[in-house]
């Protein structure tokens, strides 16, 4: 179950929209932010 995807769908976004859940136990929050930024720019 991808919580981010379910949240996106609940807000009215289409099912085709991708989403990624990032675990809070990531070694570094900076790594989590960098990963999210790369994914956003890759989809652009």
C-alpha atoms as a PDB file:
ATOM      1  CA  UNK A   1       0.000   0.000   0.000  1.00  0.00           C
ATOM      2  CA  UNK A   2       1.500   3.338  -1.073  1.00  0.00           C
ATOM      3  CA  UNK A   3       0.178   5.900   1.384  1.00  0.00           C
ATOM      4  CA  UNK A   4       1.337   8.826  -0.780  1.00  0.00           C
ATOM      5  CA  UNK A   5      -0.532   7.483  -3.800  1.00  0.00           C
ATOM      6  CA  UNK A   6      -3.698   6.896  -1.808  1.00  0.00           C
ATOM      7  CA  UNK A   7      -3.452  10.453  -0.463  1.00  0.00           C
ATOM      8  CA  UNK A   8      -3.005  11.851  -3.969  1.00  0.00           C
ATOM      9  CA  UNK A   9      -6.065   9.950  -5.199  1.00  0.00           C
ATOM     10  CA  UNK A  10      -8.081  11.142  -2.188  1.00  0.00           C
ATOM     11  CA  UNK A  11      -7.358  14.760  -3.161  1.00  0.00           C
ATOM     12  CA  UNK A  12      -8.855  14.175  -6.591  1.00  0.00           C
ATOM     13  CA  UNK A  13      -5.709  13.549  -8.636  1.00  0.00           C
ATOM     14  CA  UNK A  14      -6.026  10.885 -11.332  1.00  0.00           C
ATOM     15  CA  UNK A  15      -4.935   7.317 -10.569  1.00  0.00           C
ATOM     16  CA  UNK A  16      -2.213   7.668 -13.232  1.00  0.00           C
ATOM     17  CA  UNK A  17      -0.334  10.242 -11.116  1.00  0.00           C
ATOM     18  CA  UNK A  18       2.724   8.695  -9.504  1.00  0.00           C
ATOM     19  CA  UNK A  19       3.635   9.142  -5.851  1.00  0.00           C
ATOM     20  CA  UNK A  20       6.353   7.932  -3.518  1.00  0.00           C
ATOM     21  CA  UNK A  21       6.223   7.385   0.198  1.00  0.00           C
ATOM     22  CA  UNK A  22       9.458   8.255   1.988  1.00  0.00           C
ATOM     23  CA  UNK A  23      10.016   6.470   5.287  1.00  0.00           C
ATOM     24  CA  UNK A  24      10.698   8.768   8.223  1.00  0.00           C
ATOM     25  CA  UNK A  25      13.550   6.491   9.255  1.00  0.00           C
ATOM     26  CA  UNK A  26      15.622   7.570   6.260  1.00  0.00           C
ATOM     27  CA  UNK A  27      19.263   7.951   7.262  1.00  0.00           C
ATOM     28  CA  UNK A  28      19.143  11.628   6.394  1.00  0.00           C
ATOM     29  CA  UNK A  29      16.300  13.993   5.681  1.00  0.00           C
ATOM     30  CA  UNK A  30      18.562  15.695   3.133  1.00  0.00           C
ATOM     31  CA  UNK A  31      18.767  12.430   1.190  1.00  0.00           C
ATOM     32  CA  UNK A  32      14.966  12.187   1.246  1.00  0.00           C
ATOM     33  CA  UNK A  33      14.625  15.744  -0.056  1.00  0.00           C
ATOM     34  CA  UNK A  34      17.237  15.167  -2.785  1.00  0.00           C
ATOM     35  CA  UNK A  35      15.478  11.973  -3.886  1.00  0.00           C
ATOM     36  CA  UNK A  36      12.125  13.741  -4.079  1.00  0.00           C
ATOM     37  CA  UNK A  37      13.642  16.658  -6.031  1.00  0.00           C
ATOM     38  CA  UNK A  38      15.238  14.284  -8.559  1.00  0.00           C
ATOM     39  CA  UNK A  39      11.933  12.476  -9.052  1.00  0.00           C
ATOM     40  CA  UNK A  40      10.042  15.730  -9.581  1.00  0.00           C
ATOM     41  CA  UNK A  41      12.538  17.053 -12.114  1.00  0.00           C
ATOM     42  CA  UNK A  42      12.686  13.694 -13.911  1.00  0.00           C
ATOM     43  CA  UNK A  43       8.908  13.780 -14.416  1.00  0.00           C
ATOM     44  CA  UNK A  44       9.002  17.368 -15.752  1.00  0.00           C
END
